[in-house]
N, C-alpha and C. Protein backbone atom coordinates (compact mmCIF):
# COMPACT_ATOMS: atom_id res chain seq x y z
N VAL A 1 102.76 107.33 104.38
CA VAL A 1 103.02 106.23 105.48
C VAL A 1 103.68 104.95 104.71
N THR A 2 104.82 104.38 104.91
CA THR A 2 105.44 103.26 104.09
C THR A 2 105.68 102.02 105.21
N PRO A 3 104.81 101.47 104.91
CA PRO A 3 105.03 100.15 106.00
C PRO A 3 106.37 99.14 105.70
N GLU A 4 107.31 98.93 106.27
CA GLU A 4 108.72 97.98 105.82
C GLU A 4 108.55 96.86 106.57
N GLY A 5 107.48 96.16 106.66
CA GLY A 5 107.51 94.65 107.64
C GLY A 5 107.96 93.60 106.90
N ASP A 6 108.69 92.89 107.55
CA ASP A 6 109.15 91.55 106.86
C ASP A 6 109.55 90.47 107.96
N LEU A 7 108.13 89.39 108.07
CA LEU A 7 107.83 88.83 108.87
C LEU A 7 109.30 87.43 109.23
N GLY A 8 109.67 86.82 107.83
CA GLY A 8 110.61 86.09 108.34
C GLY A 8 112.37 86.95 108.82
N ALA A 9 112.54 88.02 108.53
CA ALA A 9 113.64 88.98 108.96
C ALA A 9 113.24 89.61 110.26
N GLN A 10 112.24 89.51 110.88
CA GLN A 10 111.50 90.21 112.11
C GLN A 10 112.06 91.35 111.83
N LYS A 11 111.70 92.19 111.13
CA LYS A 11 112.12 93.52 110.70
C LYS A 11 110.80 94.31 110.84
N PHE A 12 110.33 94.99 111.63
CA PHE A 12 108.90 95.65 111.54
C PHE A 12 108.95 97.36 111.49
N CYS A 13 109.11 97.78 110.73
CA CYS A 13 109.54 99.65 110.65
C CYS A 13 108.54 100.06 109.94
N ILE A 14 108.70 101.44 110.12
CA ILE A 14 107.19 102.29 109.77
C ILE A 14 108.08 103.66 109.23
N LYS A 15 107.96 104.11 107.77
CA LYS A 15 108.53 105.36 107.16
C LYS A 15 107.19 106.19 107.27
N LEU A 16 107.41 107.61 108.08
CA LEU A 16 106.56 108.46 107.82
C LEU A 16 107.25 109.64 107.07
N ARG A 17 106.23 110.20 106.62
CA ARG A 17 106.82 111.39 105.70
C ARG A 17 105.55 112.50 106.20
N VAL A 18 106.48 113.76 106.56
CA VAL A 18 105.26 114.74 107.04
C VAL A 18 105.70 115.97 106.59
N PRO A 19 104.95 116.73 106.01
CA PRO A 19 105.13 118.12 105.39
C PRO A 19 105.25 119.18 106.49
N THR A 20 106.46 119.68 106.26
CA THR A 20 107.05 120.73 107.20
C THR A 20 107.03 122.20 106.41
N PRO A 21 107.21 123.56 107.00
CA PRO A 21 107.49 124.55 106.32
C PRO A 21 109.24 124.28 105.47
N GLU A 22 109.58 123.38 106.03
CA GLU A 22 111.01 123.57 105.43
C GLU A 22 111.03 122.49 104.09
N GLY A 23 109.82 121.83 104.27
CA GLY A 23 109.77 120.48 103.32
C GLY A 23 109.34 119.29 104.11
N MET A 24 109.67 118.16 103.60
CA MET A 24 109.09 117.05 104.12
C MET A 24 110.12 116.32 105.00
N SER A 25 109.49 115.90 105.84
CA SER A 25 110.39 115.50 107.44
C SER A 25 109.79 113.92 107.57
N GLU A 26 111.17 113.48 107.31
CA GLU A 26 111.19 111.73 107.69
C GLU A 26 111.10 111.20 108.99
N THR A 27 110.71 110.30 109.11
CA THR A 27 110.73 109.58 110.40
C THR A 27 110.43 108.22 110.41
N LEU A 28 111.57 107.31 110.93
CA LEU A 28 111.37 105.84 111.04
C LEU A 28 111.00 105.18 112.33
N LEU A 29 109.98 104.69 112.36
CA LEU A 29 109.60 104.06 113.68
C LEU A 29 110.22 102.47 113.72
N ARG A 30 110.39 101.78 114.39
CA ARG A 30 110.89 100.58 114.81
C ARG A 30 109.83 99.90 115.97
N CYS A 31 109.08 98.77 115.57
CA CYS A 31 108.42 98.53 116.63
C CYS A 31 109.17 96.69 116.89
N ARG A 32 108.49 96.45 118.07
CA ARG A 32 109.23 95.23 118.89
C ARG A 32 108.68 93.93 118.06
N ASP A 33 107.26 93.72 117.61
CA ASP A 33 106.64 92.54 117.06
C ASP A 33 105.94 92.86 116.13
N ALA A 34 105.30 91.90 115.26
CA ALA A 34 104.56 92.09 114.29
C ALA A 34 103.02 92.84 115.05
N HIS A 35 102.71 92.23 116.02
CA HIS A 35 101.42 92.94 116.64
C HIS A 35 101.10 94.54 117.06
N GLN A 36 102.77 94.95 117.41
CA GLN A 36 102.83 96.19 117.82
C GLN A 36 102.65 96.97 116.59
N TYR A 37 103.57 96.47 115.39
CA TYR A 37 103.90 96.77 114.08
C TYR A 37 102.24 97.30 113.51
N ALA A 38 101.48 96.11 113.32
CA ALA A 38 99.79 96.42 112.79
C ALA A 38 99.26 97.14 113.29
N ARG A 39 99.53 97.48 114.85
CA ARG A 39 98.71 98.48 115.67
C ARG A 39 98.85 99.95 115.06
N TRP A 40 100.45 100.16 114.94
CA TRP A 40 101.07 101.34 114.52
C TRP A 40 100.49 101.59 113.00
N VAL A 41 100.79 100.69 112.38
CA VAL A 41 100.51 100.94 110.91
C VAL A 41 99.07 101.30 110.66
N ALA A 42 98.34 100.46 111.26
CA ALA A 42 96.80 100.46 111.25
C ALA A 42 96.49 101.80 111.47
N GLY A 43 97.00 102.45 113.17
CA GLY A 43 96.54 104.02 113.18
C GLY A 43 97.13 104.77 112.49
N CYS A 44 98.57 104.58 111.91
CA CYS A 44 98.99 105.50 111.01
C CYS A 44 98.05 106.03 109.58
N HIS A 45 97.79 105.08 109.47
CA HIS A 45 97.27 104.76 107.94
C HIS A 45 95.66 105.48 108.05
N LEU A 46 94.95 105.28 109.29
CA LEU A 46 93.84 106.01 109.63
C LEU A 46 93.76 107.20 109.73
N ALA A 47 95.08 107.80 110.45
CA ALA A 47 95.04 109.00 110.93
C ALA A 47 95.14 109.79 109.36
N SER A 48 96.46 109.26 108.74
CA SER A 48 96.67 110.01 107.41
C SER A 48 95.69 110.47 106.40
N ARG A 49 94.34 109.17 106.90
CA ARG A 49 93.31 109.46 105.63
C ARG A 49 92.22 110.54 106.52
N GLY A 50 92.84 110.63 107.58
CA GLY A 50 91.59 111.81 108.45
C GLY A 50 90.23 111.06 109.30
N ALA A 51 90.55 109.38 108.91
CA ALA A 51 89.49 108.66 109.48
C ALA A 51 89.39 108.71 111.12
N SER A 52 87.81 107.90 111.54
CA SER A 52 88.16 107.97 112.73
C SER A 52 88.70 106.71 113.60
N LEU A 53 89.50 106.68 114.41
CA LEU A 53 90.48 105.52 115.19
C LEU A 53 89.39 104.63 115.98
N SER A 54 87.78 104.57 115.24
CA SER A 54 87.15 103.74 116.17
C SER A 54 87.27 102.07 116.02
N ALA A 55 87.05 101.11 116.83
CA ALA A 55 87.00 99.86 116.77
C ALA A 55 86.80 99.01 115.75
N ALA A 56 85.65 99.80 114.83
CA ALA A 56 85.54 98.94 113.55
C ALA A 56 86.67 99.44 112.72
N SER A 57 86.96 100.80 112.52
CA SER A 57 88.03 100.82 111.43
C SER A 57 89.35 100.21 112.02
N LEU A 58 89.60 100.53 113.36
CA LEU A 58 91.27 99.98 113.58
C LEU A 58 91.17 98.57 113.42
N ARG A 59 90.13 97.55 113.75
CA ARG A 59 90.17 95.93 113.69
C ARG A 59 90.28 95.71 112.02
N ALA A 60 89.61 96.43 110.99
CA ALA A 60 89.84 96.33 109.75
C ALA A 60 91.45 96.34 109.29
N GLU A 61 91.76 97.61 109.66
CA GLU A 61 93.40 97.73 109.27
C GLU A 61 94.34 96.66 109.92
N VAL A 62 94.10 96.50 111.12
CA VAL A 62 95.02 95.71 111.87
C VAL A 62 95.11 94.55 111.56
N GLN A 63 93.59 93.93 110.71
CA GLN A 63 93.53 92.74 110.74
C GLN A 63 94.31 92.70 108.98
N GLY A 64 94.06 93.69 108.47
CA GLY A 64 94.30 93.68 106.78
C GLY A 64 96.48 93.83 107.45
N VAL A 65 96.64 94.35 108.03
CA VAL A 65 98.47 94.62 108.30
C VAL A 65 98.62 93.23 108.71
N LEU A 66 98.17 92.61 109.64
CA LEU A 66 98.46 91.47 109.75
C LEU A 66 97.95 90.13 108.81
N GLY A 67 97.25 90.04 107.84
CA GLY A 67 97.13 89.29 106.75
C GLY A 67 98.23 89.34 105.92
N ALA A 68 98.46 90.88 105.74
CA ALA A 68 99.61 90.93 104.67
C ALA A 68 101.03 90.44 105.27
N LEU A 69 101.29 90.64 106.43
CA LEU A 69 102.33 90.13 106.77
C LEU A 69 102.49 88.49 106.95
N GLY A 70 101.42 87.80 106.86
CA GLY A 70 101.16 86.48 106.77
C GLY A 70 101.25 86.03 108.26
N VAL A 71 100.67 86.70 109.18
CA VAL A 71 100.59 86.16 110.37
C VAL A 71 99.37 85.36 110.49
N GLN A 72 99.05 84.43 110.69
CA GLN A 72 97.85 83.70 111.24
C GLN A 72 97.11 83.87 112.41
N PRO A 73 95.92 83.79 112.19
CA PRO A 73 95.12 84.25 113.50
C PRO A 73 95.42 83.03 114.77
N GLY A 74 95.11 83.24 116.18
CA GLY A 74 95.94 82.64 116.69
C GLY A 74 96.90 82.88 117.92
N GLY A 75 97.42 82.51 119.04
CA GLY A 75 98.29 83.10 119.92
C GLY A 75 98.07 84.50 119.99
N GLU A 76 96.93 84.58 120.53
CA GLU A 76 96.33 86.29 120.88
C GLU A 76 97.61 87.13 121.69
N ASP A 77 97.94 88.22 121.48
CA ASP A 77 98.70 89.23 121.48
C ASP A 77 98.24 89.61 123.09
N PRO A 78 98.57 89.75 123.99
CA PRO A 78 97.97 90.92 125.01
C PRO A 78 97.47 92.34 124.80
N GLY A 79 98.17 92.67 123.90
CA GLY A 79 97.84 94.09 123.44
C GLY A 79 97.33 94.64 122.22
N VAL A 80 96.57 93.33 121.53
CA VAL A 80 95.96 93.47 119.88
C VAL A 80 94.32 92.57 120.72
N PRO A 81 93.44 93.73 120.60
CA PRO A 81 92.29 93.42 121.01
C PRO A 81 91.48 92.01 120.41
N SER A 82 90.76 91.41 121.36
CA SER A 82 90.50 90.05 120.56
C SER A 82 89.68 90.08 119.36
N TRP A 83 89.08 91.31 118.81
CA TRP A 83 88.32 91.11 117.51
C TRP A 83 89.56 91.40 116.55
N ALA A 84 90.40 91.80 116.89
CA ALA A 84 91.50 92.16 115.74
C ALA A 84 91.60 91.07 114.74
N LEU A 85 91.42 89.41 115.68
CA LEU A 85 92.22 88.35 114.78
C LEU A 85 90.93 87.45 114.52
N SER A 86 89.78 88.14 114.66
CA SER A 86 88.44 87.09 114.69
C SER A 86 87.75 87.11 113.60
N ARG A 87 88.64 87.78 112.58
CA ARG A 87 88.00 87.04 110.92
C ARG A 87 89.23 87.10 110.12
N PRO A 88 89.45 86.06 109.07
CA PRO A 88 90.73 86.03 108.29
C PRO A 88 90.90 86.78 107.41
N PRO A 89 91.61 87.49 106.80
CA PRO A 89 91.64 88.23 105.80
C PRO A 89 91.07 88.19 104.70
N PRO A 90 90.63 88.82 103.80
CA PRO A 90 90.05 88.50 102.39
C PRO A 90 91.39 88.52 101.53
N ASP A 91 90.88 87.64 100.39
CA ASP A 91 91.83 87.39 99.32
C ASP A 91 91.77 88.48 98.21
N PRO A 92 92.81 89.31 98.20
CA PRO A 92 92.06 90.59 97.14
C PRO A 92 91.68 89.79 95.66
N ARG A 93 92.61 88.64 95.52
CA ARG A 93 92.75 88.25 94.27
C ARG A 93 91.38 87.31 93.77
N GLN A 94 90.67 87.39 94.47
CA GLN A 94 89.14 86.50 94.55
C GLN A 94 87.90 87.89 94.33
N LEU A 95 88.22 88.87 94.96
CA LEU A 95 87.27 89.81 94.43
C LEU A 95 87.58 91.07 93.76
N LEU A 96 89.03 91.31 93.29
CA LEU A 96 89.36 92.15 92.29
C LEU A 96 89.35 92.09 91.15
N PRO A 97 89.24 92.81 89.90
CA PRO A 97 89.29 92.57 88.68
C PRO A 97 90.92 92.24 88.19
N PRO A 98 91.30 91.91 87.15
CA PRO A 98 92.75 91.69 87.08
C PRO A 98 93.55 92.71 86.59
N ARG A 99 92.73 93.57 86.06
CA ARG A 99 93.37 94.94 85.85
C ARG A 99 93.92 95.73 86.81
N PHE A 100 93.56 95.70 88.26
CA PHE A 100 93.61 96.34 89.39
C PHE A 100 94.76 95.62 89.81
N GLN A 101 94.47 94.20 89.72
CA GLN A 101 95.64 93.19 90.38
C GLN A 101 97.08 93.61 89.54
N ARG A 102 97.12 94.01 88.03
CA ARG A 102 97.95 94.25 87.52
C ARG A 102 98.90 95.67 87.70
N LYS A 103 97.45 96.63 88.05
CA LYS A 103 98.22 97.82 88.65
C LYS A 103 98.94 98.38 89.86
N PHE A 104 98.23 97.25 91.01
CA PHE A 104 98.54 97.25 92.44
C PHE A 104 99.02 95.99 92.59
N LYS A 105 99.44 96.45 93.84
CA LYS A 105 100.07 94.95 94.97
C LYS A 105 98.60 94.21 95.68
N ALA A 106 98.19 93.12 95.74
CA ALA A 106 96.88 92.62 95.93
C ALA A 106 96.69 93.15 97.65
N LYS A 107 97.81 92.81 98.41
CA LYS A 107 98.18 93.00 99.57
C LYS A 107 97.68 94.66 99.88
N GLN A 108 97.73 95.51 99.01
CA GLN A 108 97.60 96.99 99.38
C GLN A 108 96.31 97.20 99.58
N PHE A 109 95.44 96.42 98.96
CA PHE A 109 93.96 96.37 99.13
C PHE A 109 93.12 95.55 100.40
N ALA A 110 94.27 94.71 101.09
CA ALA A 110 93.47 93.96 102.32
C ALA A 110 92.89 94.79 103.31
N SER A 111 93.58 95.92 103.60
CA SER A 111 93.20 96.40 104.85
C SER A 111 91.63 97.35 104.37
N GLN A 112 91.46 97.91 103.03
CA GLN A 112 90.39 98.51 102.73
C GLN A 112 89.09 97.56 102.39
N LEU A 113 89.54 96.29 102.03
CA LEU A 113 88.34 95.29 101.69
C LEU A 113 88.21 94.94 102.85
N MET A 114 88.84 94.71 104.27
CA MET A 114 88.27 94.01 105.56
C MET A 114 87.60 95.53 106.02
N GLU A 115 87.63 96.62 105.78
CA GLU A 115 86.79 97.48 106.36
C GLU A 115 85.43 97.83 105.85
N VAL A 116 85.31 97.22 104.22
CA VAL A 116 84.43 97.34 103.73
C VAL A 116 83.33 96.23 104.15
N LEU A 117 84.31 94.75 104.54
CA LEU A 117 83.54 93.65 105.03
C LEU A 117 83.07 93.70 106.34
N ASN A 118 83.99 94.35 106.95
CA ASN A 118 83.27 95.02 108.49
C ASN A 118 82.09 95.94 108.55
N ARG A 119 81.82 96.27 107.54
CA ARG A 119 80.26 97.29 107.70
C ARG A 119 79.34 97.01 107.18
N VAL A 120 79.64 95.53 106.01
CA VAL A 120 78.19 94.94 105.53
C VAL A 120 78.05 93.56 106.41
N GLY A 121 79.33 93.18 106.99
CA GLY A 121 79.20 91.95 107.30
C GLY A 121 78.03 91.33 108.45
N THR A 122 77.82 92.23 108.81
CA THR A 122 76.30 92.18 109.89
C THR A 122 75.01 92.09 109.47
N LEU A 123 75.11 92.56 107.98
CA LEU A 123 73.80 92.63 107.20
C LEU A 123 73.23 91.35 106.91
N THR A 124 71.72 91.51 106.79
CA THR A 124 71.31 90.01 106.40
C THR A 124 71.41 89.89 104.71
N PRO A 125 71.36 88.97 104.22
CA PRO A 125 71.08 88.61 102.55
C PRO A 125 70.32 89.99 101.81
N GLY A 126 68.88 90.14 102.41
CA GLY A 126 68.09 91.12 102.01
C GLY A 126 68.62 92.33 102.23
N GLN A 127 68.94 92.54 103.24
CA GLN A 127 69.44 93.83 103.46
C GLN A 127 71.00 94.53 103.06
N ALA A 128 72.14 93.45 102.47
CA ALA A 128 72.54 93.73 101.72
C ALA A 128 72.58 94.12 100.41
N ARG A 129 71.52 93.41 99.74
CA ARG A 129 70.99 93.55 98.36
C ARG A 129 70.48 94.83 98.18
N LEU A 130 69.62 95.19 99.17
CA LEU A 130 68.90 96.80 99.52
C LEU A 130 70.11 97.63 99.32
N ARG A 131 71.17 97.66 100.29
CA ARG A 131 72.68 98.59 100.22
C ARG A 131 73.05 98.40 98.48
N PHE A 132 73.22 97.30 98.14
CA PHE A 132 73.66 97.51 96.90
C PHE A 132 72.84 98.27 95.87
N VAL A 133 71.66 98.22 95.78
CA VAL A 133 70.87 98.84 94.96
C VAL A 133 70.69 100.19 95.31
N GLU A 134 70.90 100.71 96.58
CA GLU A 134 70.90 101.83 96.81
C GLU A 134 72.24 102.62 96.53
N ALA A 135 73.40 101.92 96.56
CA ALA A 135 74.64 102.22 95.92
C ALA A 135 74.73 102.29 94.28
N TRP A 136 74.09 101.90 93.96
CA TRP A 136 74.01 101.51 92.36
C TRP A 136 73.17 102.96 91.90
N ARG A 137 71.71 102.81 92.62
CA ARG A 137 70.98 103.95 92.43
C ARG A 137 71.64 105.47 92.13
N ALA A 138 72.56 105.64 93.22
CA ALA A 138 73.69 106.82 93.46
C ALA A 138 74.53 107.50 92.45
N LEU A 139 74.71 106.06 91.38
CA LEU A 139 75.84 106.31 90.57
C LEU A 139 75.31 107.26 89.62
N PRO A 140 76.59 108.52 89.37
CA PRO A 140 75.55 109.80 88.26
C PRO A 140 75.19 108.98 87.18
N GLU A 141 75.72 107.85 86.61
CA GLU A 141 74.43 107.67 85.63
C GLU A 141 74.15 106.43 85.49
N PHE A 142 73.30 106.42 86.76
CA PHE A 142 72.39 105.82 87.08
C PHE A 142 71.22 105.56 85.93
N GLY A 143 70.79 104.61 85.28
CA GLY A 143 69.56 104.29 84.49
C GLY A 143 69.94 104.62 82.73
N LEU A 144 71.00 105.30 82.56
CA LEU A 144 71.32 105.63 81.43
C LEU A 144 71.68 104.49 80.37
N GLY A 145 70.73 104.32 79.46
CA GLY A 145 71.00 103.17 78.11
C GLY A 145 71.98 104.25 77.12
N HIS A 146 73.04 103.89 76.95
CA HIS A 146 73.73 104.44 75.84
C HIS A 146 74.00 103.90 74.23
N PHE A 147 73.83 104.59 73.67
CA PHE A 147 73.54 104.26 72.16
C PHE A 147 74.61 104.62 71.14
N VAL A 148 75.26 104.25 70.39
CA VAL A 148 76.43 104.94 69.66
C VAL A 148 75.38 105.43 68.25
N VAL A 149 75.79 106.45 67.86
CA VAL A 149 74.69 106.78 66.91
C VAL A 149 75.50 107.80 65.91
N ARG A 150 75.22 108.02 64.72
CA ARG A 150 75.58 108.90 63.88
C ARG A 150 74.23 110.11 63.50
N PHE A 151 74.74 111.19 63.93
CA PHE A 151 73.44 112.24 63.71
C PHE A 151 73.56 112.75 62.10
N GLN A 152 72.62 113.22 61.56
CA GLN A 152 71.95 113.28 60.36
C GLN A 152 73.15 114.68 60.20
N GLY A 153 74.05 114.65 59.11
CA GLY A 153 74.58 115.99 59.29
C GLY A 153 76.24 115.85 59.73
N ALA A 154 76.09 114.91 60.70
CA ALA A 154 77.59 115.02 61.85
C ALA A 154 78.03 113.87 60.64
N GLY A 155 79.88 114.42 61.21
CA GLY A 155 80.70 113.95 60.65
C GLY A 155 81.48 112.55 61.27
N ARG A 156 80.79 112.44 62.51
CA ARG A 156 81.39 111.64 63.34
C ARG A 156 80.40 110.79 64.20
N ASP A 157 80.96 109.83 64.92
CA ASP A 157 79.82 108.94 65.61
C ASP A 157 79.77 109.73 67.27
N GLU A 158 78.61 109.58 67.62
CA GLU A 158 78.28 110.26 68.47
C GLU A 158 77.41 109.19 69.84
N ILE A 159 77.48 109.73 70.74
CA ILE A 159 76.52 108.57 71.80
C ILE A 159 75.39 109.47 72.19
N LEU A 160 74.30 108.80 72.04
CA LEU A 160 72.84 109.13 72.46
C LEU A 160 72.55 108.69 74.03
N ALA A 161 72.48 108.93 75.03
CA ALA A 161 72.22 108.49 76.19
C ALA A 161 70.73 108.83 76.74
N VAL A 162 69.79 107.39 76.81
CA VAL A 162 68.28 107.54 77.35
C VAL A 162 67.95 107.52 78.76
N GLY A 163 67.63 108.51 79.56
CA GLY A 163 67.71 108.19 81.04
C GLY A 163 66.40 108.39 81.54
N PRO A 164 65.86 108.15 82.74
CA PRO A 164 64.51 108.36 83.35
C PRO A 164 63.98 109.42 83.05
N SER A 165 64.60 110.79 82.77
CA SER A 165 64.19 112.03 82.82
C SER A 165 64.71 112.83 81.62
N GLN A 166 65.64 112.54 80.95
CA GLN A 166 66.51 113.18 79.81
C GLN A 166 67.03 112.50 79.01
N LEU A 167 67.33 113.20 77.67
CA LEU A 167 68.13 112.66 76.55
C LEU A 167 69.89 113.23 76.56
N LEU A 168 70.58 112.89 76.44
CA LEU A 168 72.13 113.21 76.68
C LEU A 168 72.69 113.15 75.14
N ARG A 169 73.22 114.23 74.47
CA ARG A 169 73.95 113.97 73.55
C ARG A 169 75.74 113.91 73.89
N ILE A 170 76.35 113.09 73.82
CA ILE A 170 77.76 112.96 74.79
C ILE A 170 78.45 112.59 73.48
N ASP A 171 79.75 113.53 73.81
CA ASP A 171 81.06 113.58 72.77
C ASP A 171 82.04 112.23 73.33
N PRO A 172 82.10 111.13 72.57
CA PRO A 172 82.49 109.83 73.16
C PRO A 172 84.13 110.08 73.39
N SER A 173 84.71 110.96 72.78
CA SER A 173 86.23 111.01 73.10
C SER A 173 86.51 111.87 74.55
N SER A 174 85.86 112.54 75.05
CA SER A 174 85.92 113.19 76.34
C SER A 174 85.00 112.84 77.29
N GLY A 175 83.74 112.27 76.95
CA GLY A 175 82.74 111.88 77.87
C GLY A 175 81.78 113.06 78.27
N ALA A 176 82.06 114.29 77.36
CA ALA A 176 81.35 115.58 77.91
C ALA A 176 80.04 115.66 77.39
N VAL A 177 79.35 116.26 77.92
CA VAL A 177 77.52 116.18 77.67
C VAL A 177 77.50 117.23 76.46
N THR A 178 77.32 117.03 75.62
CA THR A 178 77.24 118.55 74.53
C THR A 178 75.98 119.05 74.58
N ARG A 179 74.90 118.23 74.58
CA ARG A 179 73.46 118.63 74.73
C ARG A 179 72.52 118.22 75.66
N SER A 180 71.20 118.43 76.28
CA SER A 180 70.43 117.82 76.71
C SER A 180 69.23 118.15 76.52
N TRP A 181 68.27 117.28 76.58
CA TRP A 181 66.65 117.49 76.41
C TRP A 181 66.07 116.85 77.51
N ARG A 182 65.06 117.51 78.12
CA ARG A 182 64.28 116.59 79.08
C ARG A 182 62.99 116.21 78.05
N HIS A 183 62.90 115.15 79.09
CA HIS A 183 61.49 114.21 77.83
C HIS A 183 60.32 114.96 77.95
N SER A 184 60.01 116.17 78.44
CA SER A 184 59.31 117.28 78.01
C SER A 184 59.43 117.64 76.79
N ASP A 185 60.46 117.73 76.41
CA ASP A 185 60.97 118.57 75.16
C ASP A 185 60.57 117.53 73.97
N LEU A 186 60.48 116.04 74.48
CA LEU A 186 60.67 115.37 73.31
C LEU A 186 59.11 114.86 72.60
N HIS A 187 58.33 115.80 71.60
CA HIS A 187 57.17 115.60 71.16
C HIS A 187 56.75 114.32 70.42
N GLN A 188 57.73 113.75 69.63
CA GLN A 188 57.30 112.58 69.00
C GLN A 188 58.37 112.26 68.15
N TRP A 189 58.77 110.54 68.13
CA TRP A 189 59.74 110.22 67.19
C TRP A 189 58.95 109.24 66.72
N ASP A 190 60.00 109.15 65.24
CA ASP A 190 59.56 108.11 64.19
C ASP A 190 60.60 106.99 64.05
N VAL A 191 60.47 106.25 63.56
CA VAL A 191 61.16 105.06 63.42
C VAL A 191 61.12 104.59 61.86
N ASN A 192 62.07 104.77 60.56
CA ASN A 192 61.61 104.27 59.70
C ASN A 192 62.44 102.78 59.22
N TRP A 193 61.62 101.96 59.29
CA TRP A 193 62.06 100.49 59.84
C TRP A 193 62.91 100.17 58.32
N ASP A 194 62.68 100.75 57.42
CA ASP A 194 63.30 100.57 55.55
C ASP A 194 64.36 100.83 55.97
N SER A 195 64.71 102.09 56.19
CA SER A 195 66.32 102.85 56.37
C SER A 195 66.99 102.51 57.60
N GLN A 196 66.47 102.08 58.51
CA GLN A 196 66.74 101.83 60.31
C GLN A 196 67.05 103.27 60.88
N GLN A 197 66.21 104.34 60.32
CA GLN A 197 66.67 105.72 60.35
C GLN A 197 65.73 106.22 61.68
N VAL A 198 66.10 107.32 62.67
CA VAL A 198 65.25 107.76 63.70
C VAL A 198 65.30 109.34 63.78
N ARG A 199 63.98 109.47 63.99
CA ARG A 199 63.83 110.96 63.89
C ARG A 199 62.85 111.72 65.12
N LEU A 200 63.94 112.41 65.80
CA LEU A 200 63.33 112.94 67.00
C LEU A 200 62.83 114.53 66.45
N ARG A 201 61.54 114.75 66.71
CA ARG A 201 60.90 115.99 67.29
C ARG A 201 60.62 116.76 68.64
N LEU A 202 61.43 117.38 68.62
CA LEU A 202 61.71 118.40 69.82
C LEU A 202 61.16 119.79 70.00
N THR A 203 60.90 120.40 71.25
CA THR A 203 60.32 121.57 71.44
C THR A 203 61.38 122.92 70.51
N GLY A 204 60.44 123.67 69.65
CA GLY A 204 61.00 124.82 69.23
C GLY A 204 61.06 124.47 67.65
N ASP A 205 60.54 123.48 67.07
CA ASP A 205 60.84 122.98 65.76
C ASP A 205 62.30 122.10 65.65
N VAL A 206 62.51 121.78 66.59
CA VAL A 206 63.92 120.98 66.12
C VAL A 206 63.90 119.51 65.77
N THR A 207 64.22 119.06 64.69
CA THR A 207 64.05 118.08 64.47
C THR A 207 65.20 117.14 64.22
N LEU A 208 65.71 116.10 64.82
CA LEU A 208 66.69 115.46 64.94
C LEU A 208 66.82 114.25 63.87
N GLY A 209 67.61 113.82 63.00
CA GLY A 209 67.60 112.50 62.34
C GLY A 209 69.05 112.00 62.95
N LEU A 210 68.81 110.75 62.82
CA LEU A 210 70.21 109.68 63.54
C LEU A 210 69.74 108.52 63.04
N ARG A 211 71.06 107.69 62.94
CA ARG A 211 71.03 106.28 62.49
C ARG A 211 71.99 105.55 63.83
N VAL A 212 70.76 104.52 64.16
CA VAL A 212 71.70 103.78 65.51
C VAL A 212 72.76 102.77 64.99
N LEU A 213 73.67 102.91 65.47
CA LEU A 213 74.85 101.89 65.05
C LEU A 213 75.25 100.61 65.97
N SER A 214 75.04 100.92 66.93
CA SER A 214 75.44 99.98 68.04
C SER A 214 74.43 98.87 68.37
N ALA A 215 73.14 99.01 68.10
CA ALA A 215 71.70 98.11 68.25
C ALA A 215 70.71 98.39 67.29
N SER A 216 69.68 97.90 67.02
CA SER A 216 68.69 97.76 66.36
C SER A 216 67.92 99.17 66.87
N PRO A 217 67.75 99.87 65.99
CA PRO A 217 66.52 100.80 66.18
C PRO A 217 65.42 100.57 67.27
N ARG A 218 65.15 99.69 67.08
CA ARG A 218 64.13 98.98 67.99
C ARG A 218 63.81 99.19 69.39
N VAL A 219 65.56 98.94 69.83
CA VAL A 219 65.88 98.91 71.18
C VAL A 219 66.04 100.74 71.68
N LEU A 220 66.23 101.43 70.88
CA LEU A 220 66.15 102.69 71.40
C LEU A 220 64.54 103.00 71.27
N HIS A 221 63.79 102.51 70.50
CA HIS A 221 62.45 102.79 70.28
C HIS A 221 61.77 102.34 71.47
N GLN A 222 62.15 101.63 71.88
CA GLN A 222 61.77 100.65 73.32
C GLN A 222 62.17 101.55 74.72
N PHE A 223 63.36 102.14 74.62
CA PHE A 223 64.06 102.64 75.51
C PHE A 223 63.05 104.11 75.79
N LEU A 224 62.95 104.38 74.53
CA LEU A 224 61.92 106.11 74.70
C LEU A 224 60.80 105.95 75.48
N GLY A 225 60.18 104.51 74.77
CA GLY A 225 58.53 104.65 74.80
C GLY A 225 58.32 104.17 76.37
N GLY A 226 59.46 103.52 77.13
CA GLY A 226 59.22 102.79 78.38
C GLY A 226 59.69 104.05 79.41
N TYR A 227 60.67 104.60 79.01
CA TYR A 227 60.93 105.86 80.10
C TYR A 227 59.73 106.80 79.95
N LEU A 228 59.23 107.36 78.64
CA LEU A 228 58.12 107.88 78.55
C LEU A 228 57.01 107.58 79.51
N ALA A 229 56.69 106.60 79.33
CA ALA A 229 55.19 105.99 80.03
C ALA A 229 55.12 105.87 81.30
N LEU A 230 56.77 105.51 81.82
CA LEU A 230 56.88 105.43 83.40
C LEU A 230 57.16 106.71 83.69
N GLY A 231 57.05 107.91 83.37
CA GLY A 231 57.76 109.15 83.78
C GLY A 231 55.87 109.83 83.67
């Protein structure tokens, strides 16, 4: 779906590319005005993502398209539901990190931001904070503390991640976990405060010596003690 809308030139076209057995088929739709254009672009975007054409989703998409065109709320069009113009579009520049703004055009995110705001706009502040915490806890690396370390005998720096239930040895170049241990495998750890060395004693008479490079060994010591006490 490629929208080609220009409010100043009163040009409202939508280019659709649909895969067929013979290849990509291209169709050009011409709309009579900005409101019809917004409804069609919104519907095509939702359909291309396999999303529902529910009122909530359609409202967010319509408002995002109208905002990208620069159409101001007011002068309600009879073909546009009243809720489509009930909320001004968000300014992506105030909500997105600069690196995303450099890579993409800000208006590309307007409809997605409206959809998110529509989902959380009716929540109370307490409910919104709870929703944020739930999303945070669902992240794959929730609760992990990362330390740059040098294991004894290793020729390069690695990452030791300490989580609520396990320790992870991670390759920093790829992010791949090369070894993991559950907290039940950690029988003891010692810290030599003079040499700043940490020694982990694991199941199977395995002893790992390491030096913490990104923080004081005291921080690693506190992470291990805190998670083991909570577990």
